[in-house]
Amino acid sequence: MKTLIDVVKFEKAPYIKNLFYTDKKGYYYVIAKNETVVEKTFWKGINLKPKDMRFAKLEDLLGILSC
C-alpha cells in the first residue's frame, strides 16, 4: 500500500512539527519548522514564562477538539 509520501513529492516543502503545550493560563498549539528549537528563548521571545510550559495531555487535546 502506498503512503502519501510515496505519491506526493515534497521537494521544496519544509518538514514541520506540531506541538501542543499548556501552562497555568491556557493551551498553545505551535506549528514550527523541524529545525526550530522550542526551548527557553523561544517562549521568552513570545512573552511567556518557559518554566511554566509543559506538553499538554492527549486528553486535553481531544477535549478541545471535542472528539
PDB file of N, CA and C in Angstrom:
ATOM      1  N   MET A   1       0.842  -1.189   0.000  1.00  0.00           N
ATOM      2  CA  MET A   1       0.000   0.000   0.000  1.00  0.00           C
ATOM      3  C   MET A   1       0.883   1.247   0.000  1.00  0.00           C
ATOM      4  N   LYS A   2       0.594   2.168  -0.883  1.00  0.00           N
ATOM      5  CA  LYS A   2       1.380   3.396  -0.976  1.00  0.00           C
ATOM      6  C   LYS A   2       0.922   4.393   0.081  1.00  0.00           C
ATOM      7  N   THR A   3       1.868   5.137   0.600  1.00  0.00           N
ATOM      8  CA  THR A   3       1.563   6.199   1.546  1.00  0.00           C
ATOM      9  C   THR A   3       1.555   7.523   0.800  1.00  0.00           C
ATOM     10  N   LEU A   4       1.131   8.557   1.478  1.00  0.00           N
ATOM     11  CA  LEU A   4       1.112   9.890   0.886  1.00  0.00           C
ATOM     12  C   LEU A   4       2.509  10.309   0.439  1.00  0.00           C
ATOM     13  N   ILE A   5       3.508   9.948   1.203  1.00  0.00           N
ATOM     14  CA  ILE A   5       4.888  10.309   0.875  1.00  0.00           C
ATOM     15  C   ILE A   5       5.301   9.634  -0.439  1.00  0.00           C
ATOM     16  N   ASP A   6       4.838   8.416  -0.683  1.00  0.00           N
ATOM     17  CA  ASP A   6       5.171   7.722  -1.912  1.00  0.00           C
ATOM     18  C   ASP A   6       4.522   8.384  -3.126  1.00  0.00           C
ATOM     19  N   VAL A   7       3.367   8.968  -2.947  1.00  0.00           N
ATOM     20  CA  VAL A   7       2.599   9.526  -4.060  1.00  0.00           C
ATOM     21  C   VAL A   7       2.991  10.963  -4.350  1.00  0.00           C
ATOM     22  N   VAL A   8       3.187  11.761  -3.322  1.00  0.00           N
ATOM     23  CA  VAL A   8       3.458  13.189  -3.490  1.00  0.00           C
ATOM     24  C   VAL A   8       4.928  13.459  -3.195  1.00  0.00           C
ATOM     25  N   LYS A   9       5.566  14.183  -4.056  1.00  0.00           N
ATOM     26  CA  LYS A   9       6.968  14.564  -3.860  1.00  0.00           C
ATOM     27  C   LYS A   9       7.025  15.938  -3.204  1.00  0.00           C
ATOM     28  N   PHE A  10       7.638  16.003  -2.035  1.00  0.00           N
ATOM     29  CA  PHE A  10       7.774  17.256  -1.311  1.00  0.00           C
ATOM     30  C   PHE A  10       9.195  17.777  -1.497  1.00  0.00           C
ATOM     31  N   GLU A  11       9.504  18.230  -2.693  1.00  0.00           N
ATOM     32  CA  GLU A  11      10.868  18.630  -3.000  1.00  0.00           C
ATOM     33  C   GLU A  11      11.309  19.873  -2.248  1.00  0.00           C
ATOM     34  N   LYS A  12      10.443  20.882  -2.169  1.00  0.00           N
ATOM     35  CA  LYS A  12      10.838  22.138  -1.529  1.00  0.00           C
ATOM     36  C   LYS A  12      10.050  22.423  -0.259  1.00  0.00           C
ATOM     37  N   ALA A  13       9.168  21.543   0.123  1.00  0.00           N
ATOM     38  CA  ALA A  13       8.347  21.764   1.314  1.00  0.00           C
ATOM     39  C   ALA A  13       9.173  21.473   2.564  1.00  0.00           C
ATOM     40  N   PRO A  14       9.139  22.366   3.555  1.00  0.00           N
ATOM     41  CA  PRO A  14       9.900  22.112   4.781  1.00  0.00           C
ATOM     42  C   PRO A  14       9.186  21.075   5.654  1.00  0.00           C
ATOM     43  N   TYR A  15       9.964  20.346   6.423  1.00  0.00           N
ATOM     44  CA  TYR A  15       9.368  19.465   7.420  1.00  0.00           C
ATOM     45  C   TYR A  15       8.903  20.333   8.570  1.00  0.00           C
ATOM     46  N   ILE A  16       7.741  20.040   9.117  1.00  0.00           N
ATOM     47  CA  ILE A  16       7.221  20.821  10.231  1.00  0.00           C
ATOM     48  C   ILE A  16       6.892  19.901  11.395  1.00  0.00           C
ATOM     49  N   LYS A  17       6.779  20.511  12.566  1.00  0.00           N
ATOM     50  CA  LYS A  17       6.346  19.771  13.747  1.00  0.00           C
ATOM     51  C   LYS A  17       5.175  20.512  14.367  1.00  0.00           C
ATOM     52  N   ASN A  18       4.260  19.748  14.933  1.00  0.00           N
ATOM     53  CA  ASN A  18       3.076  20.275  15.590  1.00  0.00           C
ATOM     54  C   ASN A  18       3.193  19.943  17.068  1.00  0.00           C
ATOM     55  N   LEU A  19       3.186  20.964  17.896  1.00  0.00           N
ATOM     56  CA  LEU A  19       3.373  20.779  19.332  1.00  0.00           C
ATOM     57  C   LEU A  19       2.209  21.399  20.087  1.00  0.00           C
ATOM     58  N   PHE A  20       1.776  20.734  21.130  1.00  0.00           N
ATOM     59  CA  PHE A  20       0.644  21.198  21.927  1.00  0.00           C
ATOM     60  C   PHE A  20       1.110  21.363  23.365  1.00  0.00           C
ATOM     61  N   TYR A  21       1.156  22.601  23.828  1.00  0.00           N
ATOM     62  CA  TYR A  21       1.665  22.925  25.154  1.00  0.00           C
ATOM     63  C   TYR A  21       0.567  23.519  26.028  1.00  0.00           C
ATOM     64  N   THR A  22       0.840  23.534  27.318  1.00  0.00           N
ATOM     65  CA  THR A  22      -0.061  24.170  28.267  1.00  0.00           C
ATOM     66  C   THR A  22       0.755  24.871  29.351  1.00  0.00           C
ATOM     67  N   ASP A  23       0.144  25.854  29.956  1.00  0.00           N
ATOM     68  CA  ASP A  23       0.669  26.478  31.171  1.00  0.00           C
ATOM     69  C   ASP A  23      -0.526  26.762  32.070  1.00  0.00           C
ATOM     70  N   LYS A  24      -0.334  27.576  33.081  1.00  0.00           N
ATOM     71  CA  LYS A  24      -1.415  27.855  34.041  1.00  0.00           C
ATOM     72  C   LYS A  24      -2.566  28.642  33.422  1.00  0.00           C
ATOM     73  N   LYS A  25      -2.297  29.350  32.324  1.00  0.00           N
ATOM     74  CA  LYS A  25      -3.306  30.231  31.737  1.00  0.00           C
ATOM     75  C   LYS A  25      -4.071  29.627  30.572  1.00  0.00           C
ATOM     76  N   GLY A  26      -3.499  28.640  29.885  1.00  0.00           N
ATOM     77  CA  GLY A  26      -4.199  28.097  28.724  1.00  0.00           C
ATOM     78  C   GLY A  26      -3.373  27.114  27.930  1.00  0.00           C
ATOM     79  N   TYR A  27      -3.782  26.935  26.670  1.00  0.00           N
ATOM     80  CA  TYR A  27      -3.143  25.983  25.770  1.00  0.00           C
ATOM     81  C   TYR A  27      -2.523  26.719  24.593  1.00  0.00           C
ATOM     82  N   TYR A  28      -1.456  26.117  24.047  1.00  0.00           N
ATOM     83  CA  TYR A  28      -0.742  26.720  22.928  1.00  0.00           C
ATOM     84  C   TYR A  28      -0.435  25.641  21.902  1.00  0.00           C
ATOM     85  N   TYR A  29      -0.829  25.889  20.660  1.00  0.00           N
ATOM     86  CA  TYR A  29      -0.557  24.971  19.564  1.00  0.00           C
ATOM     87  C   TYR A  29       0.523  25.608  18.715  1.00  0.00           C
ATOM     88  N   VAL A  30       1.675  24.980  18.654  1.00  0.00           N
ATOM     89  CA  VAL A  30       2.827  25.528  17.959  1.00  0.00           C
ATOM     90  C   VAL A  30       3.075  24.718  16.691  1.00  0.00           C
ATOM     91  N   ILE A  31       3.108  25.400  15.567  1.00  0.00           N
ATOM     92  CA  ILE A  31       3.489  24.789  14.297  1.00  0.00           C
ATOM     93  C   ILE A  31       4.804  25.443  13.903  1.00  0.00           C
ATOM     94  N   ALA A  32       5.854  24.636  13.797  1.00  0.00           N
ATOM     95  CA  ALA A  32       7.183  25.197  13.546  1.00  0.00           C
ATOM     96  C   ALA A  32       7.963  24.328  12.570  1.00  0.00           C
ATOM     97  N   LYS A  33       8.928  24.933  11.921  1.00  0.00           N
ATOM     98  CA  LYS A  33       9.832  24.152  11.083  1.00  0.00           C
ATOM     99  C   LYS A  33      10.552  23.138  11.969  1.00  0.00           C
ATOM    100  N   ASN A  34      10.905  22.029  11.371  1.00  0.00           N
ATOM    101  CA  ASN A  34      11.522  20.938  12.121  1.00  0.00           C
ATOM    102  C   ASN A  34      12.799  21.383  12.842  1.00  0.00           C
ATOM    103  N   GLU A  35      13.552  22.293  12.242  1.00  0.00           N
ATOM    104  CA  GLU A  35      14.811  22.722  12.856  1.00  0.00           C
ATOM    105  C   GLU A  35      14.632  23.783  13.953  1.00  0.00           C
ATOM    106  N   THR A  36      13.414  24.282  14.146  1.00  0.00           N
ATOM    107  CA  THR A  36      13.156  25.269  15.189  1.00  0.00           C
ATOM    108  C   THR A  36      13.298  24.615  16.560  1.00  0.00           C
ATOM    109  N   VAL A  37      14.077  25.237  17.421  1.00  0.00           N
ATOM    110  CA  VAL A  37      14.279  24.724  18.769  1.00  0.00           C
ATOM    111  C   VAL A  37      13.276  25.414  19.688  1.00  0.00           C
ATOM    112  N   VAL A  38      12.412  24.623  20.292  1.00  0.00           N
ATOM    113  CA  VAL A  38      11.396  25.164  21.199  1.00  0.00           C
ATOM    114  C   VAL A  38      11.918  24.968  22.616  1.00  0.00           C
ATOM    115  N   GLU A  39      12.554  26.016  23.137  1.00  0.00           N
ATOM    116  CA  GLU A  39      13.119  25.986  24.478  1.00  0.00           C
ATOM    117  C   GLU A  39      12.927  27.354  25.119  1.00  0.00           C
ATOM    118  N   LYS A  40      13.685  27.654  26.141  1.00  0.00           N
ATOM    119  CA  LYS A  40      13.504  28.883  26.919  1.00  0.00           C
ATOM    120  C   LYS A  40      13.467  30.140  26.054  1.00  0.00           C
ATOM    121  N   THR A  41      14.397  30.285  25.154  1.00  0.00           N
ATOM    122  CA  THR A  41      14.449  31.508  24.346  1.00  0.00           C
ATOM    123  C   THR A  41      13.228  31.633  23.432  1.00  0.00           C
ATOM    124  N   PHE A  42      12.709  30.506  22.965  1.00  0.00           N
ATOM    125  CA  PHE A  42      11.503  30.528  22.133  1.00  0.00           C
ATOM    126  C   PHE A  42      10.342  31.112  22.919  1.00  0.00           C
ATOM    127  N   TRP A  43      10.116  30.609  24.129  1.00  0.00           N
ATOM    128  CA  TRP A  43       8.981  31.069  24.943  1.00  0.00           C
ATOM    129  C   TRP A  43       9.182  32.511  25.404  1.00  0.00           C
ATOM    130  N   LYS A  44      10.398  32.880  25.748  1.00  0.00           N
ATOM    131  CA  LYS A  44      10.673  34.273  26.133  1.00  0.00           C
ATOM    132  C   LYS A  44      10.420  35.220  24.966  1.00  0.00           C
ATOM    133  N   GLY A  45      10.708  34.764  23.761  1.00  0.00           N
ATOM    134  CA  GLY A  45      10.515  35.577  22.560  1.00  0.00           C
ATOM    135  C   GLY A  45       9.055  35.920  22.301  1.00  0.00           C
ATOM    136  N   ILE A  46       8.137  35.121  22.833  1.00  0.00           N
ATOM    137  CA  ILE A  46       6.704  35.412  22.675  1.00  0.00           C
ATOM    138  C   ILE A  46       6.064  35.765  24.017  1.00  0.00           C
ATOM    139  N   ASN A  47       6.894  36.244  24.937  1.00  0.00           N
ATOM    140  CA  ASN A  47       6.464  36.772  26.241  1.00  0.00           C
ATOM    141  C   ASN A  47       5.700  35.764  27.099  1.00  0.00           C
ATOM    142  N   LEU A  48       6.170  34.520  27.131  1.00  0.00           N
ATOM    143  CA  LEU A  48       5.613  33.506  28.020  1.00  0.00           C
ATOM    144  C   LEU A  48       6.721  32.989  28.930  1.00  0.00           C
ATOM    145  N   LYS A  49       6.360  32.508  30.091  1.00  0.00           N
ATOM    146  CA  LYS A  49       7.344  32.012  31.044  1.00  0.00           C
ATOM    147  C   LYS A  49       7.718  30.567  30.712  1.00  0.00           C
ATOM    148  N   PRO A  50       8.981  30.340  30.360  1.00  0.00           N
ATOM    149  CA  PRO A  50       9.405  28.997  29.965  1.00  0.00           C
ATOM    150  C   PRO A  50       9.233  27.956  31.068  1.00  0.00           C
ATOM    151  N   LYS A  51       9.406  28.364  32.319  1.00  0.00           N
ATOM    152  CA  LYS A  51       9.323  27.387  33.412  1.00  0.00           C
ATOM    153  C   LYS A  51       7.905  26.846  33.592  1.00  0.00           C
ATOM    154  N   ASP A  52       6.902  27.558  33.091  1.00  0.00           N
ATOM    155  CA  ASP A  52       5.513  27.111  33.225  1.00  0.00           C
ATOM    156  C   ASP A  52       5.037  26.236  32.065  1.00  0.00           C
ATOM    157  N   MET A  53       5.796  26.185  30.968  1.00  0.00           N
ATOM    158  CA  MET A  53       5.349  25.473  29.780  1.00  0.00           C
ATOM    159  C   MET A  53       5.577  23.971  29.899  1.00  0.00           C
ATOM    160  N   ARG A  54       4.542  23.208  29.567  1.00  0.00           N
ATOM    161  CA  ARG A  54       4.587  21.744  29.599  1.00  0.00           C
ATOM    162  C   ARG A  54       3.859  21.214  28.372  1.00  0.00           C
ATOM    163  N   PHE A  55       4.233  20.013  27.931  1.00  0.00           N
ATOM    164  CA  PHE A  55       3.440  19.365  26.902  1.00  0.00           C
ATOM    165  C   PHE A  55       2.069  19.081  27.492  1.00  0.00           C
ATOM    166  N   ALA A  56       1.028  19.376  26.737  1.00  0.00           N
ATOM    167  CA  ALA A  56      -0.337  19.111  27.206  1.00  0.00           C
ATOM    168  C   ALA A  56      -0.645  17.627  27.043  1.00  0.00           C
ATOM    169  N   LYS A  57      -1.628  17.171  27.794  1.00  0.00           N
ATOM    170  CA  LYS A  57      -2.027  15.764  27.739  1.00  0.00           C
ATOM    171  C   LYS A  57      -2.915  15.514  26.534  1.00  0.00           C
ATOM    172  N   LEU A  58      -2.893  14.292  26.049  1.00  0.00           N
ATOM    173  CA  LEU A  58      -3.710  13.899  24.927  1.00  0.00           C
ATOM    174  C   LEU A  58      -5.190  14.128  25.239  1.00  0.00           C
ATOM    175  N   GLU A  59      -5.593  13.874  26.450  1.00  0.00           N
ATOM    176  CA  GLU A  59      -6.994  14.069  26.849  1.00  0.00           C
ATOM    177  C   GLU A  59      -7.424  15.524  26.706  1.00  0.00           C
ATOM    178  N   ASP A  60      -6.513  16.441  26.986  1.00  0.00           N
ATOM    179  CA  ASP A  60      -6.802  17.871  26.834  1.00  0.00           C
ATOM    180  C   ASP A  60      -7.030  18.221  25.379  1.00  0.00           C
ATOM    181  N   LEU A  61      -6.154  17.708  24.510  1.00  0.00           N
ATOM    182  CA  LEU A  61      -6.308  17.975  23.082  1.00  0.00           C
ATOM    183  C   LEU A  61      -7.614  17.402  22.555  1.00  0.00           C
ATOM    184  N   LEU A  62      -7.944  16.184  22.935  1.00  0.00           N
ATOM    185  CA  LEU A  62      -9.192  15.572  22.482  1.00  0.00           C
ATOM    186  C   LEU A  62     -10.407  16.335  22.998  1.00  0.00           C
ATOM    187  N   GLY A  63     -10.315  16.863  24.226  1.00  0.00           N
ATOM    188  CA  GLY A  63     -11.406  17.661  24.776  1.00  0.00           C
ATOM    189  C   GLY A  63     -11.616  18.952  24.002  1.00  0.00           C
ATOM    190  N   ILE A  64     -10.518  19.588  23.623  1.00  0.00           N
ATOM    191  CA  ILE A  64     -10.615  20.836  22.862  1.00  0.00           C
ATOM    192  C   ILE A  64     -11.184  20.568  21.467  1.00  0.00           C
ATOM    193  N   LEU A  65     -10.770  19.463  20.877  1.00  0.00           N
ATOM    194  CA  LEU A  65     -11.260  19.109  19.554  1.00  0.00           C
ATOM    195  C   LEU A  65     -12.653  18.479  19.596  1.00  0.00           C
ATOM    196  N   SER A  66     -13.139  18.224  20.783  1.00  0.00           N
ATOM    197  CA  SER A  66     -14.458  17.592  21.006  1.00  0.00           C
ATOM    198  C   SER A  66     -14.553  16.224  20.341  1.00  0.00           C
ATOM    199  N   CYS A  67     -13.524  15.446  20.522  1.00  0.00           N
ATOM    200  CA  CYS A  67     -13.517  14.090  19.945  1.00  0.00           C
ATOM    201  C   CYS A  67     -14.017  13.076  20.956  1.00  0.00           C
TER     202      CYS A  67
END
